[in-house]
Protein backbone atom coordinates (compact mmCIF):
# COMPACT_ATOMS: atom_id res chain seq x y z
CA MET A 1 111.58 112.91 113.74
CA PRO A 2 108.76 111.26 112.27
CA ASP A 3 105.48 111.62 113.93
CA ASN A 4 104.58 108.13 115.08
CA THR A 5 101.16 109.38 116.89
CA GLN A 6 99.01 107.19 114.64
CA LEU A 7 100.72 104.18 115.00
CA ASP A 8 101.25 104.78 118.68
CA ALA A 9 97.43 104.78 119.22
CA ALA A 10 96.64 102.16 117.05
CA VAL A 11 95.88 98.35 118.38
CA PHE A 12 97.62 95.71 116.66
CA GLU A 13 95.66 92.19 116.93
CA ILE A 14 98.68 89.34 115.96
CA VAL A 15 97.59 85.63 115.37
CA VAL A 16 100.07 83.05 115.12
CA PHE A 17 98.77 79.69 113.63
CA LYS A 18 99.83 76.71 111.81
CA LEU A 19 97.80 75.18 108.80
CA ARG A 20 96.94 71.50 109.01
CA GLU A 21 98.86 68.99 107.20
CA ASP A 22 96.17 68.96 104.56
CA ALA A 23 95.99 72.29 103.72
CA THR A 24 98.10 74.47 101.06
CA HIS A 25 99.31 77.86 101.09
CA GLU A 26 97.21 78.31 98.18
CA GLN A 27 93.90 77.52 100.01
CA LEU A 28 94.87 79.86 102.83
CA LEU A 29 95.22 82.58 100.30
CA GLU A 30 92.00 81.68 98.82
CA ALA A 31 90.49 81.70 101.94
CA SER A 32 91.75 84.93 102.91
CA GLY A 33 90.36 86.62 100.44
CA PRO A 34 86.86 86.85 101.58
CA VAL A 35 88.11 87.55 105.34
CA SER A 36 90.24 90.93 103.95
CA ASP A 37 86.65 92.04 102.32
CA TRP A 38 85.05 91.73 105.31
CA VAL A 39 87.25 93.08 108.04
CA LYS A 40 88.09 96.07 105.24
CA GLN A 41 84.52 96.91 105.72
CA LYS A 42 84.77 97.37 109.55
CA PRO A 43 85.16 100.95 111.87
CA GLY A 44 88.62 101.31 112.59
CA PHE A 45 90.31 99.20 109.99
CA ILE A 46 93.35 100.10 109.31
CA GLU A 47 95.30 97.12 107.87
CA ARG A 48 95.67 93.48 107.62
CA LYS A 49 98.98 91.60 106.82
CA LEU A 50 99.50 87.83 106.12
CA LEU A 51 103.03 86.54 106.67
CA ARG A 52 104.34 83.55 106.18
CA ALA A 53 106.86 82.31 108.96
CA THR A 54 110.18 80.51 108.69
CA GLU A 55 108.60 77.44 110.41
CA LYS A 56 107.19 74.97 108.27
CA ASN A 57 102.98 75.72 107.66
CA THR A 58 103.33 78.55 109.99
CA TYR A 59 101.51 82.22 109.51
CA VAL A 60 101.33 85.27 111.29
CA GLU A 61 98.22 87.53 110.52
CA ILE A 62 98.18 91.05 111.94
CA VAL A 63 95.63 93.48 111.89
CA ARG A 64 95.42 97.07 112.80
CA TRP A 65 92.94 99.10 114.39
CA GLU A 66 92.37 102.55 115.54
CA SER A 67 90.89 101.10 118.77
CA LEU A 68 90.31 98.62 120.80
CA GLU A 69 86.85 98.73 121.47
CA GLN A 70 86.84 98.35 117.49
CA ALA A 71 88.68 95.27 117.43
CA HIS A 72 86.19 94.02 119.83
CA GLU A 73 83.03 95.05 118.46
CA ALA A 74 84.41 93.30 114.84
CA ALA A 75 85.70 90.36 116.61
CA GLY A 76 81.92 89.82 118.26
CA GLU A 77 80.49 89.90 114.51
CA ALA A 78 82.85 87.13 113.32
């Protein structure tokens, strides 16, 4: 049986959003780069994923943190 200790202790931040009608997928990816660079430097950061949903212009962003406190600290700096 796999060891899920790290996964069980992690905190997931999940954001579902729609792009504005005048924004493109390419623009989102371009803007996402600096956000990824910034969040990767924050204490407690584990990973970030940006997923395209099946519904038009809908995306899901998932950020995994070591703790809720570290996620809150990063959010306070944003």
